Amino acid sequence: MFNTEIYPSTLVYILICIVLITIVSIRIWLARKRCDRSYYIKHLGLLLFVLIYNIVGGLFPDPGFGFNLMAQNIFIWTVGLPAAFYYFAYLKNEYNLVFFKGISLEAIGIFTLFMFIVLFILPYIVFQSLDVSRPLFLSFFLIVLLFALATSAQQQYKKYKGHTSKLFKIHCINGILGFIGLISLPVTILLFGDNQLIEHTCFSLGCFILSVDFFLYHKRNREIKNSICLDKLSTREIEVFSLLLNEPHLKYAEISQKLNISEKTLSSHLCNIYKKTGLRNKKEIEELSKSSPGILAA
């Protein structure tokens, strides 16, 4: 299309991404003084990566460009890898998923980059064939993602069963569907090779499903506000609760120091917060923070 390798379907996904990026950018500007701004920025990052992947994957490889096909293919995969990893990190953080206990995202990223060099770039340079390097790397990548999918599906199902709210049930389902969109990337490439229509459709749809959650974000926050009766909290209790939501990993001593109160006073505030909101402990506040960041700002 337009004398390029871009399929009409890929052009449609590019245009949808641009529209969504515009909407999210406006939300970021409107939320510039609110603590939930980071949630919008993360979603903007996801859309930008998917946009770049569609553009680069649509344009290349093209014999009409002035550099060889091997360099073009390595360039495509070098762009695709961080796009897939950001997608993975987004799912992990925004849906509060635990895949590999004790292993940080940074460690996973470094290991994935190492395997990319060893299983894709080096074999491709040595054997001069995608038919050798592509299955090597993607098979490894797929095994890791299938394990992560099985783990996340189990976690999301438990959350789904535990929620009575339709909005949160949709949130759980969308998390799994979004993950399937990520896994479709290695699956479609392994099964169909460089089939732009199938590959870009599956991957882009996964991102667009996650964008549904973006548009339901305010409704989820409003429902939480109504269900946990935030209006019953005192000004000081809201301050404590807000700090816990924004920085859920803080220890009690650190919270006391930040608020300039004793731990005994903090304990009293927390008891009142749990009683008035129906939350049982700090862990539930942490999970609330992950599922609906910036709830007090919405």
Protein backbone atom coordinates (compact mmCIF):
# COMPACT_ATOMS: atom_id res chain seq x y z
CA MET A 1 0.00 0.00 0.00
CA PHE A 2 1.36 3.47 -0.95
CA ASN A 3 4.28 1.66 -2.64
CA THR A 4 5.26 0.07 0.69
CA GLU A 5 4.90 -3.36 2.28
CA ILE A 6 2.21 -2.09 4.69
CA TYR A 7 -1.05 -4.04 4.46
CA PRO A 8 -4.37 -2.10 4.57
CA SER A 9 -5.19 -3.87 7.85
CA THR A 10 -1.91 -2.69 9.40
CA LEU A 11 -2.65 0.85 8.26
CA VAL A 12 -6.00 0.64 10.06
CA TYR A 13 -4.25 -0.47 13.28
CA ILE A 14 -1.77 2.40 12.93
CA LEU A 15 -4.62 4.90 12.59
CA ILE A 16 -6.46 3.40 15.60
CA CYS A 17 -3.25 3.66 17.65
CA ILE A 18 -2.86 7.32 16.66
CA VAL A 19 -6.45 8.08 17.73
CA LEU A 20 -5.96 6.28 21.06
CA ILE A 21 -2.62 8.00 21.64
CA THR A 22 -4.30 11.37 21.08
CA ILE A 23 -7.05 10.54 23.59
CA VAL A 24 -4.59 9.26 26.21
CA SER A 25 -2.32 12.29 25.71
CA ILE A 26 -5.27 14.59 26.40
CA ARG A 27 -6.04 12.59 29.56
CA ILE A 28 -2.42 12.94 30.67
CA TRP A 29 -2.58 16.71 30.23
CA LEU A 30 -5.88 16.94 32.13
CA ALA A 31 -4.45 14.75 34.94
CA ARG A 32 -1.15 16.65 35.14
CA LYS A 33 -1.70 17.49 38.83
CA ARG A 34 -3.20 14.15 39.85
CA CYS A 35 -1.50 11.04 41.17
CA ASP A 36 -3.20 8.77 38.60
CA ARG A 37 -1.27 10.49 35.81
CA SER A 38 1.30 7.68 35.89
CA TYR A 39 -1.39 5.18 34.92
CA TYR A 40 -2.13 7.17 31.75
CA ILE A 41 1.56 7.53 30.94
CA LYS A 42 2.07 3.76 31.18
CA HIS A 43 -0.84 3.13 28.83
CA LEU A 44 0.51 5.76 26.44
CA GLY A 45 3.82 3.87 26.43
CA LEU A 46 2.01 0.64 25.48
CA LEU A 47 0.21 2.33 22.59
CA LEU A 48 3.42 3.96 21.33
CA PHE A 49 5.24 0.62 21.31
CA VAL A 50 2.39 -1.05 19.42
CA LEU A 51 2.29 1.86 16.96
CA ILE A 52 6.04 1.64 16.31
CA TYR A 53 5.82 -2.14 15.94
CA ASN A 54 3.05 -1.82 13.34
CA ILE A 55 4.94 0.83 11.39
CA VAL A 56 8.30 -0.93 11.41
CA GLY A 57 6.82 -4.41 10.90
CA GLY A 58 4.68 -3.05 8.07
CA LEU A 59 7.47 -1.26 6.23
CA PHE A 60 10.18 -3.90 6.58
CA PRO A 61 11.58 -6.11 5.16
CA ASP A 62 11.41 -4.44 1.77
CA PRO A 63 13.92 -5.18 -1.01
CA GLY A 64 13.35 -1.63 -2.25
CA PHE A 65 15.14 -0.13 0.75
CA GLY A 66 18.81 0.66 0.48
CA PHE A 67 20.17 -1.92 2.94
CA ASN A 68 20.23 -5.71 2.89
CA LEU A 69 17.39 -7.92 4.09
CA MET A 70 19.38 -9.42 6.96
CA ALA A 71 19.97 -5.98 8.47
CA GLN A 72 16.30 -5.14 7.97
CA ASN A 73 15.15 -8.33 9.70
CA ILE A 74 17.50 -7.78 12.64
CA PHE A 75 16.18 -4.21 12.88
CA ILE A 76 12.54 -5.42 12.94
CA TRP A 77 13.24 -7.94 15.68
CA THR A 78 15.28 -5.43 17.67
CA VAL A 79 12.25 -3.11 17.64
CA GLY A 80 9.77 -5.94 18.31
CA LEU A 81 11.59 -7.29 21.36
CA PRO A 82 11.27 -4.16 23.57
CA ALA A 83 7.68 -3.73 22.35
CA ALA A 84 6.83 -7.27 23.51
CA PHE A 85 8.73 -6.83 26.77
CA TYR A 86 6.97 -3.54 27.60
CA TYR A 87 3.66 -5.25 26.85
CA PHE A 88 4.65 -8.06 29.25
CA ALA A 89 5.72 -5.59 31.96
CA TYR A 90 2.50 -3.61 31.51
CA LEU A 91 0.39 -6.73 32.06
CA LYS A 92 2.42 -7.73 35.11
CA ASN A 93 2.19 -4.33 36.79
CA GLU A 94 -1.31 -3.23 35.87
CA TYR A 95 -2.97 -6.57 36.64
CA ASN A 96 -0.84 -7.29 39.71
CA LEU A 97 0.42 -10.61 38.34
CA VAL A 98 3.23 -12.70 39.80
CA PHE A 99 5.03 -14.89 37.27
CA PHE A 100 8.47 -15.77 38.60
CA LYS A 101 8.81 -15.26 42.36
CA GLY A 102 11.99 -13.52 43.42
CA ILE A 103 12.95 -12.56 39.84
CA SER A 104 12.68 -8.88 38.93
CA LEU A 105 11.50 -7.51 35.60
CA GLU A 106 14.99 -6.12 35.05
CA ALA A 107 16.50 -9.61 35.41
CA ILE A 108 13.90 -11.06 33.03
CA GLY A 109 14.68 -8.30 30.52
CA ILE A 110 18.44 -8.86 30.66
CA PHE A 111 18.02 -12.63 30.31
CA THR A 112 15.64 -12.19 27.36
CA LEU A 113 18.10 -9.85 25.63
CA PHE A 114 20.91 -12.39 26.17
CA MET A 115 18.78 -15.20 24.70
CA PHE A 116 17.84 -12.96 21.77
CA ILE A 117 21.52 -12.50 20.92
CA VAL A 118 22.39 -16.18 21.42
CA LEU A 119 19.31 -17.79 19.86
CA PHE A 120 18.41 -15.30 17.13
CA ILE A 121 21.13 -12.88 16.06
CA LEU A 122 24.12 -15.25 16.16
CA PRO A 123 22.36 -18.19 14.40
CA TYR A 124 20.97 -15.77 11.81
CA ILE A 125 24.43 -14.38 11.06
CA VAL A 126 26.02 -17.85 10.96
CA PHE A 127 23.36 -19.73 8.95
CA GLN A 128 22.05 -16.72 6.97
CA SER A 129 18.50 -18.04 7.39
CA LEU A 130 15.44 -16.95 9.37
CA ASP A 131 14.18 -20.53 9.14
CA VAL A 132 16.93 -21.50 11.58
CA SER A 133 17.12 -18.53 13.96
CA ARG A 134 13.41 -17.73 14.19
CA PRO A 135 12.22 -21.11 15.59
CA LEU A 136 15.16 -21.24 18.00
CA PHE A 137 14.33 -17.98 19.71
CA LEU A 138 10.55 -18.06 19.43
CA SER A 139 10.29 -21.57 20.86
CA PHE A 140 12.14 -20.42 23.96
CA PHE A 141 10.08 -17.22 24.13
CA LEU A 142 6.82 -19.16 23.71
CA ILE A 143 7.61 -21.65 26.50
CA VAL A 144 8.27 -18.78 28.93
CA LEU A 145 5.07 -16.97 27.92
CA LEU A 146 2.93 -20.12 28.14
CA PHE A 147 4.15 -20.67 31.69
CA ALA A 148 3.37 -17.02 32.50
CA LEU A 149 -0.08 -17.36 30.90
CA ALA A 150 -0.94 -20.44 32.96
CA THR A 151 0.13 -18.62 36.13
CA SER A 152 -1.70 -15.39 35.28
CA ALA A 153 -4.88 -17.20 34.18
CA GLN A 154 -5.04 -18.93 37.55
CA GLN A 155 -4.54 -15.65 39.42
CA GLN A 156 -7.08 -13.76 37.30
CA TYR A 157 -9.66 -16.54 37.69
CA LYS A 158 -9.40 -16.31 41.48
CA LYS A 159 -9.87 -12.55 41.29
CA TYR A 160 -12.79 -13.02 38.87
CA LYS A 161 -14.54 -15.40 41.27
CA GLY A 162 -13.86 -13.08 44.20
CA HIS A 163 -15.40 -9.99 42.58
CA THR A 164 -19.13 -9.31 42.42
CA SER A 165 -18.64 -6.17 40.31
CA LYS A 166 -19.08 -6.62 36.56
CA LEU A 167 -16.47 -3.93 35.94
CA PHE A 168 -13.83 -5.88 37.86
CA LYS A 169 -14.84 -9.14 36.21
CA ILE A 170 -14.31 -7.44 32.85
CA HIS A 171 -10.95 -6.17 34.15
CA CYS A 172 -9.87 -9.74 34.96
CA ILE A 173 -11.05 -11.12 31.61
CA ASN A 174 -9.36 -8.33 29.66
CA GLY A 175 -6.09 -9.07 31.44
CA ILE A 176 -6.15 -12.65 30.17
CA LEU A 177 -7.27 -11.66 26.66
CA GLY A 178 -4.49 -9.08 26.55
CA PHE A 179 -1.99 -11.76 27.54
CA ILE A 180 -3.27 -14.02 24.78
CA GLY A 181 -2.64 -11.12 22.41
CA LEU A 182 1.00 -11.09 23.53
CA ILE A 183 1.38 -14.85 23.13
CA SER A 184 -0.13 -14.62 19.65
CA LEU A 185 3.06 -12.88 18.52
CA PRO A 186 5.40 -15.90 18.70
CA VAL A 187 2.59 -18.35 17.84
CA THR A 188 1.53 -16.63 14.60
CA ILE A 189 5.14 -16.09 13.47
CA LEU A 190 5.99 -19.75 14.11
CA LEU A 191 2.87 -21.01 12.32
CA PHE A 192 2.56 -18.51 9.47
CA GLY A 193 5.99 -16.90 9.12
CA ASP A 194 5.97 -13.27 7.97
CA ASN A 195 2.20 -13.06 7.55
CA GLN A 196 1.59 -9.41 8.35
CA LEU A 197 -2.20 -9.69 8.30
CA ILE A 198 -2.43 -12.42 10.97
CA GLU A 199 0.56 -11.34 13.09
CA HIS A 200 -0.30 -7.65 13.37
CA THR A 201 -4.02 -8.30 13.76
CA CYS A 202 -3.63 -10.61 16.77
CA PHE A 203 -1.00 -8.48 18.49
CA SER A 204 -2.84 -5.17 17.92
CA LEU A 205 -6.18 -6.58 19.07
CA GLY A 206 -4.55 -7.59 22.36
CA CYS A 207 -3.51 -3.98 22.92
CA PHE A 208 -6.94 -2.64 21.94
CA ILE A 209 -8.58 -5.01 24.44
CA LEU A 210 -6.34 -3.55 27.17
CA SER A 211 -7.47 -0.10 26.03
CA VAL A 212 -11.04 -1.10 26.93
CA ASP A 213 -9.82 -1.23 30.54
CA PHE A 214 -8.38 2.24 30.09
CA PHE A 215 -11.81 3.63 29.20
CA LEU A 216 -13.43 1.78 32.13
CA TYR A 217 -10.81 3.05 34.57
CA HIS A 218 -12.84 5.96 35.97
CA LYS A 219 -15.97 3.83 36.36
CA ARG A 220 -13.99 1.23 38.34
CA ASN A 221 -12.60 3.95 40.61
CA ARG A 222 -16.03 5.47 41.12
CA GLU A 223 -17.47 2.07 42.00
CA ILE A 224 -14.69 1.48 44.52
CA LYS A 225 -15.27 4.88 46.09
CA ASN A 226 -18.95 4.09 46.52
CA SER A 227 -18.38 0.57 47.81
CA ILE A 228 -15.74 1.37 50.45
CA CYS A 229 -17.42 4.57 51.70
CA LEU A 230 -14.49 6.97 51.44
CA ASP A 231 -16.80 9.78 52.60
CA LYS A 232 -16.70 8.32 56.10
CA LEU A 233 -12.96 8.87 56.40
CA SER A 234 -11.59 11.87 58.26
CA THR A 235 -9.14 14.25 56.57
CA ARG A 236 -6.19 12.61 58.34
CA GLU A 237 -7.42 9.10 57.52
CA ILE A 238 -7.75 10.04 53.84
CA GLU A 239 -4.16 11.32 53.99
CA VAL A 240 -2.97 7.98 55.43
CA PHE A 241 -5.08 5.97 52.98
CA SER A 242 -3.86 8.05 50.02
CA LEU A 243 -0.24 7.49 50.99
CA LEU A 244 -0.81 3.73 51.24
CA LEU A 245 -2.48 3.67 47.83
CA ASN A 246 0.25 5.70 46.14
CA GLU A 247 3.19 3.98 47.87
CA PRO A 248 1.85 0.57 48.98
CA HIS A 249 5.29 -0.92 49.64
CA LEU A 250 6.13 1.55 52.44
CA LYS A 251 6.72 0.06 55.88
CA TYR A 252 4.76 1.38 58.85
CA ALA A 253 7.83 3.14 60.25
CA GLU A 254 8.34 4.92 56.91
CA ILE A 255 4.68 5.95 56.77
CA SER A 256 4.89 7.35 60.31
CA GLN A 257 7.99 9.31 59.39
CA LYS A 258 6.44 10.73 56.20
CA LEU A 259 3.29 11.84 58.04
CA ASN A 260 5.21 12.95 61.15
CA ILE A 261 3.08 10.85 63.51
CA SER A 262 3.88 8.04 65.93
CA GLU A 263 3.38 4.41 64.94
CA LYS A 264 0.73 4.12 67.68
CA THR A 265 -1.25 6.99 66.10
CA LEU A 266 -0.78 5.40 62.66
CA SER A 267 -2.11 2.10 64.00
CA SER A 268 -5.19 3.88 65.30
CA HIS A 269 -5.79 5.55 61.93
CA LEU A 270 -5.38 2.21 60.14
CA CYS A 271 -7.90 0.50 62.41
CA ASN A 272 -10.41 3.22 61.59
CA ILE A 273 -9.67 2.96 57.87
CA TYR A 274 -10.16 -0.83 57.84
CA LYS A 275 -13.40 -0.51 59.82
CA LYS A 276 -14.87 2.25 57.62
CA THR A 277 -13.78 0.92 54.20
CA GLY A 278 -14.31 -2.79 54.76
CA LEU A 279 -10.70 -3.51 53.82
CA ARG A 280 -9.01 -6.04 56.06
CA ASN A 281 -5.28 -5.35 55.86
CA LYS A 282 -2.45 -3.51 54.12
CA LYS A 283 -2.18 -6.24 51.48
CA GLU A 284 -5.74 -5.53 50.30
CA ILE A 285 -4.88 -1.83 50.02
CA GLU A 286 -1.84 -2.80 47.92
CA GLU A 287 -4.02 -4.88 45.59
CA LEU A 288 -6.50 -2.01 45.36
CA SER A 289 -3.64 0.29 44.41
CA LYS A 290 -2.59 -2.05 41.58
CA SER A 291 -6.07 -2.59 40.16
CA SER A 292 -7.15 1.07 40.35
CA PRO A 293 -4.19 3.45 40.68
CA GLY A 294 -5.03 7.02 41.62
CA ILE A 295 -8.45 6.11 43.03
CA LEU A 296 -8.54 9.13 45.35
CA ALA A 297 -7.68 11.42 42.46
CA ALA A 298 -10.33 10.18 40.04
